[in-house]
Amino acid sequence: MELKKNVPSVAIKEGVYKSLQMTEDDFRMIYKNDPYDYFDYDSDNLEEVRNFATSNNIQIMIIKWK
């Protein structure tokens, strides 16, 4: 019998996003105000993915993997 693990992926994704919000000031201090952006992946908003791929700034994409 194979056991499947249920991972609360939505909760983890939301936790990562919240952690980035909470540590934003620390990152800006560590990276000397280098511009960076983070966003929650949304397949209905591919403009954000395009910006992620082409930006000269540091980009962080939060994505849920099934």
Protein backbone atom coordinates (compact mmCIF):
# COMPACT_ATOMS: atom_id res chain seq x y z
CA MET A 1 0.00 0.00 0.00
CA GLU A 2 1.37 3.38 -0.99
CA LEU A 3 0.84 6.31 1.35
CA LYS A 4 0.33 9.71 -0.19
CA LYS A 5 1.43 12.75 1.72
CA ASN A 6 -0.88 15.73 1.67
CA VAL A 7 1.21 18.85 1.57
CA PRO A 8 -0.66 22.09 2.23
CA SER A 9 0.86 23.76 -0.83
CA VAL A 10 -1.43 26.81 -0.77
CA ALA A 11 -0.52 27.50 2.86
CA ILE A 12 3.18 27.12 2.08
CA LYS A 13 2.90 29.45 -0.91
CA GLU A 14 1.09 32.06 1.18
CA GLY A 15 3.69 31.65 3.93
CA VAL A 16 6.53 32.28 1.49
CA TYR A 17 4.78 35.41 0.22
CA LYS A 18 4.24 36.65 3.78
CA SER A 19 7.90 35.95 4.65
CA LEU A 20 9.02 38.04 1.68
CA GLN A 21 6.78 40.88 2.86
CA MET A 22 8.15 40.66 6.39
CA THR A 23 11.81 40.57 5.33
CA GLU A 24 11.57 43.23 2.62
CA ASP A 25 13.45 45.86 4.64
CA ASP A 26 16.19 43.36 5.53
CA PHE A 27 16.68 42.38 1.88
CA ARG A 28 16.88 46.01 0.83
CA MET A 29 19.54 46.65 3.47
CA ILE A 30 21.56 43.51 2.63
CA TYR A 31 21.43 44.10 -1.12
CA LYS A 32 22.05 47.85 -0.79
CA ASN A 33 18.68 48.83 -2.22
CA ASP A 34 19.14 46.88 -5.45
CA PRO A 35 15.67 46.90 -6.95
CA TYR A 36 13.80 43.63 -6.71
CA ASP A 37 10.25 42.44 -7.12
CA TYR A 38 8.35 39.39 -6.00
CA PHE A 39 4.98 38.14 -7.06
CA ASP A 40 2.60 35.24 -6.79
CA TYR A 41 2.40 33.40 -10.12
CA ASP A 42 -0.97 33.71 -11.81
CA SER A 43 -1.48 31.93 -15.14
CA ASP A 44 -4.06 34.59 -16.06
CA ASN A 45 -1.42 37.34 -15.80
CA LEU A 46 1.39 36.35 -18.15
CA GLU A 47 2.61 39.95 -18.29
CA GLU A 48 4.17 39.39 -14.85
CA VAL A 49 5.97 36.30 -16.14
CA ARG A 50 7.24 38.27 -19.13
CA ASN A 51 8.53 41.00 -16.80
CA PHE A 52 10.13 38.29 -14.63
CA ALA A 53 12.03 36.97 -17.64
CA THR A 54 13.15 40.29 -19.07
CA SER A 55 13.74 42.53 -16.06
CA ASN A 56 17.21 43.75 -15.13
CA ASN A 57 16.16 43.71 -11.47
CA ILE A 58 16.19 40.78 -9.09
CA GLN A 59 12.94 38.86 -9.58
CA ILE A 60 11.31 36.32 -7.26
CA MET A 61 8.36 34.31 -8.56
CA ILE A 62 6.35 32.29 -6.06
CA ILE A 63 4.73 29.33 -7.75
CA LYS A 64 2.82 26.31 -6.48
CA TRP A 65 4.02 23.02 -7.93
CA LYS A 66 1.51 20.20 -8.09
